[in-house]
C-alpha atoms as a PDB file:
ATOM      1  CA  MET A   1       9.637  28.039  44.414  1.00  0.00           C
ATOM      2  CA  ASP A   2       8.972  30.942  42.114  1.00  0.00           C
ATOM      3  CA  GLY A   3      10.657  34.350  42.059  1.00  0.00           C
ATOM      4  CA  SER A   4       8.131  35.936  44.432  1.00  0.00           C
ATOM      5  CA  ASP A   5       9.071  33.400  47.122  1.00  0.00           C
ATOM      6  CA  LEU A   6      12.565  34.855  47.278  1.00  0.00           C
ATOM      7  CA  PHE A   7      11.372  38.144  48.735  1.00  0.00           C
ATOM      8  CA  ASN A   8       8.285  37.307  50.781  1.00  0.00           C
ATOM      9  CA  GLY A   9      10.028  35.147  53.388  1.00  0.00           C
ATOM     10  CA  SER A  10       8.395  31.864  52.391  1.00  0.00           C
ATOM     11  CA  ALA A  11      11.760  30.601  51.104  1.00  0.00           C
ATOM     12  CA  ASP A  12      13.384  31.151  54.499  1.00  0.00           C
ATOM     13  CA  PRO A  13      14.767  27.724  55.494  1.00  0.00           C
ATOM     14  CA  ARG A  14      14.290  28.557  59.173  1.00  0.00           C
ATOM     15  CA  ARG A  15      10.534  28.878  58.599  1.00  0.00           C
ATOM     16  CA  ASN A  16      10.141  26.337  55.828  1.00  0.00           C
ATOM     17  CA  PRO A  17      12.898  23.730  55.845  1.00  0.00           C
ATOM     18  CA  PRO A  18      13.562  22.190  52.450  1.00  0.00           C
ATOM     19  CA  PRO A  19      12.019  18.785  51.864  1.00  0.00           C
ATOM     20  CA  SER A  20      14.347  15.915  52.602  1.00  0.00           C
ATOM     21  CA  ARG A  21      15.993  14.398  49.583  1.00  0.00           C
ATOM     22  CA  PRO A  22      15.189  10.789  48.726  1.00  0.00           C
ATOM     23  CA  ARG A  23      17.853   8.355  49.855  1.00  0.00           C
ATOM     24  CA  ALA A  24      18.294   7.101  46.290  1.00  0.00           C
ATOM     25  CA  LEU A  25      19.380  10.575  45.184  1.00  0.00           C
ATOM     26  CA  LEU A  26      21.859  10.778  48.050  1.00  0.00           C
ATOM     27  CA  ARG A  27      23.449   7.507  46.899  1.00  0.00           C
ATOM     28  CA  SER A  28      23.792   8.721  43.325  1.00  0.00           C
ATOM     29  CA  SER A  29      27.291   9.893  42.771  1.00  0.00           C
ATOM     30  CA  SER A  30      29.451  11.425  40.127  1.00  0.00           C
ATOM     31  CA  PRO A  31      32.952  10.246  39.290  1.00  0.00           C
ATOM     32  CA  PHE A  32      33.934  13.934  39.460  1.00  0.00           C
ATOM     33  CA  ARG A  33      32.502  14.460  42.952  1.00  0.00           C
ATOM     34  CA  ASP A  34      35.784  14.561  44.873  1.00  0.00           C
ATOM     35  CA  TYR A  35      37.435  16.817  42.320  1.00  0.00           C
ATOM     36  CA  VAL A  36      34.530  19.287  42.288  1.00  0.00           C
ATOM     37  CA  LEU A  37      34.196  19.357  46.075  1.00  0.00           C
ATOM     38  CA  HIS A  38      37.851  19.470  47.039  1.00  0.00           C
ATOM     39  CA  GLU A  39      40.204  20.323  44.189  1.00  0.00           C
ATOM     40  CA  LEU A  40      38.181  22.584  41.882  1.00  0.00           C
ATOM     41  CA  PRO A  41      37.819  25.403  44.439  1.00  0.00           C
ATOM     42  CA  GLN A  42      41.590  25.372  44.962  1.00  0.00           C
ATOM     43  CA  ASP A  43      42.250  25.250  41.211  1.00  0.00           C
ATOM     44  CA  LEU A  44      39.952  28.220  40.591  1.00  0.00           C
ATOM     45  CA  SER A  45      41.613  30.126  43.395  1.00  0.00           C
ATOM     46  CA  GLU A  46      44.993  29.493  41.779  1.00  0.00           C
ATOM     47  CA  VAL A  47      43.705  30.653  38.387  1.00  0.00           C
ATOM     48  CA  GLY A  48      42.467  33.846  40.036  1.00  0.00           C
ATOM     49  CA  GLY A  49      45.811  34.332  41.772  1.00  0.00           C
ATOM     50  CA  ASP A  50      47.961  33.624  38.720  1.00  0.00           C
ATOM     51  CA  GLY A  51      49.251  30.331  40.129  1.00  0.00           C
ATOM     52  CA  LEU A  52      47.572  28.321  37.371  1.00  0.00           C
ATOM     53  CA  THR A  53      46.702  29.283  33.808  1.00  0.00           C
ATOM     54  CA  TYR A  54      43.421  28.435  32.124  1.00  0.00           C
ATOM     55  CA  ARG A  55      45.405  26.167  29.798  1.00  0.00           C
ATOM     56  CA  GLN A  56      46.838  24.261  32.770  1.00  0.00           C
ATOM     57  CA  LEU A  57      43.365  23.990  34.301  1.00  0.00           C
ATOM     58  CA  ALA A  58      42.003  22.683  30.993  1.00  0.00           C
ATOM     59  CA  ASP A  59      44.816  20.120  30.775  1.00  0.00           C
ATOM     60  CA  LYS A  60      44.159  18.912  34.313  1.00  0.00           C
ATOM     61  CA  GLN A  61      40.435  18.583  33.678  1.00  0.00           C
ATOM     62  CA  ARG A  62      41.045  16.927  30.310  1.00  0.00           C
ATOM     63  CA  GLU A  63      42.919  14.149  32.132  1.00  0.00           C
ATOM     64  CA  LEU A  64      39.957  13.630  34.475  1.00  0.00           C
ATOM     65  CA  LEU A  65      37.520  13.652  31.566  1.00  0.00           C
ATOM     66  CA  THR A  66      39.582  11.098  29.661  1.00  0.00           C
ATOM     67  CA  GLU A  67      39.759   8.852  32.718  1.00  0.00           C
ATOM     68  CA  TYR A  68      36.084   9.034  33.718  1.00  0.00           C
ATOM     69  CA  GLY A  69      34.252  10.207  30.591  1.00  0.00           C
ATOM     70  CA  ARG A  70      33.476   6.785  29.157  1.00  0.00           C
ATOM     71  CA  ARG A  71      32.161   5.660  32.520  1.00  0.00           C
ATOM     72  CA  CYS A  72      29.778   8.633  32.570  1.00  0.00           C
ATOM     73  CA  LEU A  73      28.358   7.783  29.174  1.00  0.00           C
ATOM     74  CA  ALA A  74      27.958   4.107  30.081  1.00  0.00           C
ATOM     75  CA  ASP A  75      26.045   4.814  33.313  1.00  0.00           C
ATOM     76  CA  ASP A  76      22.317   4.412  32.715  1.00  0.00           C
ATOM     77  CA  ASP A  77      21.156   5.659  36.146  1.00  0.00           C
ATOM     78  CA  PRO A  78      19.278   8.925  35.476  1.00  0.00           C
ATOM     79  CA  ARG A  79      19.897  10.221  39.021  1.00  0.00           C
ATOM     80  CA  ALA A  80      23.640   9.681  38.740  1.00  0.00           C
ATOM     81  CA  ALA A  81      23.572  11.302  35.298  1.00  0.00           C
ATOM     82  CA  ARG A  82      21.956  14.456  36.738  1.00  0.00           C
ATOM     83  CA  VAL A  83      24.516  14.650  39.551  1.00  0.00           C
ATOM     84  CA  THR A  84      27.359  14.083  37.085  1.00  0.00           C
ATOM     85  CA  GLN A  85      26.018  16.747  34.728  1.00  0.00           C
ATOM     86  CA  LEU A  86      25.849  19.206  37.620  1.00  0.00           C
ATOM     87  CA  ASP A  87      29.486  18.469  38.488  1.00  0.00           C
ATOM     88  CA  LEU A  88      30.456  18.972  34.842  1.00  0.00           C
ATOM     89  CA  LEU A  89      28.608  22.299  34.784  1.00  0.00           C
ATOM     90  CA  PHE A  90      30.524  23.410  37.878  1.00  0.00           C
ATOM     91  CA  MET A  91      33.733  22.531  36.069  1.00  0.00           C
ATOM     92  CA  LEU A  92      32.615  24.384  32.930  1.00  0.00           C
ATOM     93  CA  ASN A  93      31.647  27.449  34.957  1.00  0.00           C
ATOM     94  CA  GLY A  94      35.293  27.841  35.981  1.00  0.00           C
ATOM     95  CA  PHE A  95      36.085  28.813  32.382  1.00  0.00           C
ATOM     96  CA  VAL A  96      33.413  31.514  32.078  1.00  0.00           C
ATOM     97  CA  PRO A  97      35.782  34.484  32.519  1.00  0.00           C
ATOM     98  CA  ALA A  98      38.179  33.089  29.901  1.00  0.00           C
ATOM     99  CA  GLY A  99      35.487  32.328  27.355  1.00  0.00           C
ATOM    100  CA  PRO A 100      34.283  29.128  25.723  1.00  0.00           C
ATOM    101  CA  HIS A 101      37.507  28.625  23.768  1.00  0.00           C
ATOM    102  CA  ALA A 102      39.377  27.923  27.015  1.00  0.00           C
ATOM    103  CA  ALA A 103      37.246  24.995  28.208  1.00  0.00           C
ATOM    104  CA  PRO A 104      38.285  21.505  27.203  1.00  0.00           C
ATOM    105  CA  ARG A 105      36.240  20.282  24.242  1.00  0.00           C
ATOM    106  CA  GLU A 106      35.663  16.992  26.086  1.00  0.00           C
ATOM    107  CA  LEU A 107      33.975  18.870  28.926  1.00  0.00           C
ATOM    108  CA  VAL A 108      31.511  20.608  26.647  1.00  0.00           C
ATOM    109  CA  GLU A 109      30.773  17.328  24.853  1.00  0.00           C
ATOM    110  CA  LEU A 110      30.082  15.463  28.111  1.00  0.00           C
ATOM    111  CA  VAL A 111      27.789  18.212  29.381  1.00  0.00           C
ATOM    112  CA  SER A 112      25.814  17.943  26.150  1.00  0.00           C
ATOM    113  CA  ALA A 113      25.721  14.139  26.267  1.00  0.00           C
END
């Protein structure tokens, strides 16, 4: 899809449903999947509502990264690596308002790896 598709109606999923994803991609998983799907939205909501500081969020994510980071680097499945990188980018995006200094260093390193 290019930018012109966004405004001419050809990107409308009711008219042109997206192609089905290969089953292999659906099986690829990230060790951060459950956190990103279930806990990260709540954590970001708490940061926005002053229930959690960016430092506390970084500490929580640092624990996850320490626990699962080596496993990510050892996985040689390119599909799983793409899904994992996307999850890591979602996690990193939560620090955008606070600036790059707030994100755990381990998170930035894993995204790059």
